[in-house]
Structure formats: structure tokens, C-alpha cells
Protein backbone atom coordinates (compact mmCIF):
# COMPACT_ATOMS: atom_id res chain seq x y z
CA MET A 1 -17.48 14.89 -1.69
CA LYS A 2 -20.94 13.03 -2.59
CA TRP A 3 -21.67 9.82 -1.67
CA ARG A 4 -22.82 8.88 -4.93
CA ARG A 5 -20.00 10.18 -6.52
CA LEU A 6 -17.95 7.46 -4.77
CA PRO A 7 -17.40 3.84 -6.30
CA ARG A 8 -20.33 1.44 -5.87
CA TRP A 9 -17.67 -0.78 -4.46
CA PHE A 10 -16.07 1.52 -2.12
CA ARG A 11 -19.98 2.41 -0.50
CA ASP A 12 -20.51 -0.79 0.02
CA THR A 13 -17.24 -1.12 1.86
CA ILE A 14 -18.49 1.57 4.10
CA ALA A 15 -21.62 0.40 4.85
CA VAL A 16 -20.51 -2.97 5.52
CA VAL A 17 -17.62 -2.18 7.69
CA GLY A 18 -19.14 0.35 9.30
CA ALA A 19 -22.09 -2.19 10.81
CA MET A 20 -19.13 -4.43 11.48
CA SER A 21 -17.64 -1.81 13.51
CA VAL A 22 -20.92 -0.82 15.83
CA LEU A 23 -21.34 -4.39 16.14
CA LEU A 24 -17.65 -4.86 17.52
CA ILE A 25 -17.43 -2.05 19.69
CA ILE A 26 -21.43 -3.53 21.40
CA TYR A 27 -19.53 -6.64 21.89
CA ASP A 28 -16.98 -5.35 23.22
CA ALA A 29 -18.79 -3.52 25.35
CA MET A 30 -21.07 -6.15 26.53
CA PHE A 31 -19.77 -9.16 26.30
CA ALA A 32 -15.84 -9.34 26.34
CA LYS A 33 -14.46 -9.63 30.07
CA HIS A 34 -10.88 -7.96 28.97
CA VAL A 35 -10.94 -5.61 26.21
CA ASP A 36 -7.77 -3.74 24.60
CA TRP A 37 -9.18 -0.70 23.33
CA ARG A 38 -5.91 0.17 21.64
CA LEU A 39 -6.58 -2.83 18.86
CA VAL A 40 -10.63 -1.46 18.00
CA PRO A 41 -9.25 0.97 15.41
CA LEU A 42 -6.86 -1.74 13.90
CA GLN A 43 -9.43 -4.04 14.35
CA ILE A 44 -11.55 -1.73 12.12
CA LEU A 45 -8.67 -0.51 9.65
CA LEU A 46 -7.75 -4.32 8.94
CA ALA A 47 -11.69 -5.25 8.16
CA LEU A 48 -11.64 -1.96 6.22
CA VAL A 49 -8.67 -3.24 4.18
CA ALA A 50 -9.77 -6.81 3.75
CA VAL A 51 -13.59 -6.00 2.77
CA SER A 52 -12.51 -3.03 0.24
CA LEU A 53 -9.76 -5.99 -1.33
CA TRP A 54 -12.34 -8.25 -1.74
CA SER A 55 -15.15 -5.96 -2.75
CA TYR A 56 -13.25 -4.49 -5.70
CA PHE A 57 -12.25 -7.75 -7.18
CA SER A 58 -15.27 -8.88 -6.51
CA TYR A 59 -16.97 -6.14 -8.42
CA ARG A 60 -14.20 -6.53 -11.37
CA SER A 61 -14.71 -9.44 -12.37
CA GLN A 62 -18.52 -8.85 -12.11
CA ALA A 63 -17.85 -6.62 -15.12
CA LYS A 64 -15.59 -8.45 -16.76
CA ARG A 65 -17.82 -11.37 -16.75
CA LYS A 66 -20.72 -8.96 -18.01
CA ALA A 67 -18.55 -8.02 -20.44
CA GLU A 68 -18.05 -11.17 -21.81
CA GLU A 69 -21.55 -12.20 -21.65
CA ALA A 70 -21.99 -8.95 -24.01
CA LYS A 71 -19.15 -10.34 -26.18
CA GLN A 72 -20.59 -13.53 -26.88
CA ALA A 73 -24.37 -11.93 -27.55
CA ALA A 74 -23.00 -9.67 -29.96
CA GLU A 75 -21.24 -12.72 -31.61
CA LYS A 76 -24.41 -15.09 -31.56
CA ARG A 77 -26.64 -12.25 -33.07
CA ALA A 78 -23.82 -11.83 -35.88
CA ARG A 79 -23.56 -15.69 -36.26
CA ALA A 80 -27.56 -15.39 -36.54
CA LYS A 81 -27.49 -12.63 -38.69
CA ALA A 82 -24.90 -14.15 -41.33
CA ARG A 83 -27.07 -17.57 -40.88
CA GLU A 84 -30.24 -15.71 -41.94
CA LYS A 85 -28.35 -14.28 -44.75
CA ARG A 86 -26.76 -17.40 -46.04
CA ALA A 87 -29.91 -19.06 -46.05
CA ALA A 88 -31.97 -15.91 -47.95
CA LEU A 89 -29.17 -16.05 -50.60
CA ALA A 90 -29.65 -20.10 -50.93
CA ALA A 91 -33.52 -19.59 -51.20
CA LYS A 92 -32.84 -17.04 -53.59
CA GLU A 93 -30.39 -19.11 -55.58
CA ALA A 94 -32.53 -22.29 -55.14
CA ALA A 95 -35.12 -20.27 -57.02
CA GLN A 96 -33.39 -19.19 -59.78
CA VAL A 97 -32.10 -22.93 -60.57
CA SER A 98 -35.93 -23.64 -60.26
CA GLU A 99 -36.82 -21.19 -62.88
CA ARG A 100 -33.86 -22.07 -65.05
CA ASN A 101 -35.12 -25.82 -64.77
CA ARG A 102 -38.79 -24.81 -65.49
CA SER A 103 -38.05 -22.94 -68.27
CA ARG A 104 -35.55 -25.56 -69.48
CA ASN A 105 -38.15 -28.22 -69.26
CA GLN A 106 -40.98 -26.04 -71.22
CA ALA A 107 -38.64 -25.04 -73.76
CA ARG A 108 -38.11 -28.86 -74.52
CA GLN A 109 -41.60 -29.52 -74.18
CA GLN A 110 -42.12 -27.22 -76.42
CA HIS A 111 -39.59 -28.42 -79.13
CA ARG A 112 -41.15 -31.98 -78.86
CA GLU A 113 -44.47 -31.33 -80.28
């Protein structure tokens, strides 16, 4: 299995737990006085489970947040486009009304003479 094919949250979990495991073994070998080496694999396994759960839910919430932000940005663009369309329509209608009023005023001025 290739490393790049794994989900990113799992790759990050393996990297973090690998570093934590090395540090745990170094600490137990050098500084701890009474080490129960039977517990080390259990500690590593529990760390793997805890970090993988946290990483999975963290990446999932980030994905949801990005999807929500993209949705909001799309809605904002749609509102801006609709606003521009309404403004263009209002300007066109105002120009038509202005032209109608101008032609009416010119026609009335010609009748007075």
C-alpha cells in the first residue's frame, strides 16, 4: 500500500504516534525506574486510537467548515449577481421613463407654440 493513498488524517496520526512512541521508549529506557514493558504496546495502541479519533473528527469538521464557507461564498456571489441584475434593470427602466417624460415634455412644448 502506498503512503499517499492513505487518508491524510491517518498519515498524520501515524506520524504523531510514531514520534510519541519513540519518545515514550526513550523516556522509559533512560529515566523511568520501574518500567513495565508489557504496558508499552498498550500505551502505544491507546495513543494510536486516541490520536486517530481526534484527527479523524478534526479533519471531518474542517471539511464541513470549508464546505459551509464555499456554500456561503456561492450564495454571496448569487446575491451580488441578482443585485447587479436588479440595478441594471432599474437603470434601464429609469432611462425609459426619463425618455418617455422628455418626449412628452417636448410634445407639449410644441403644442403650445
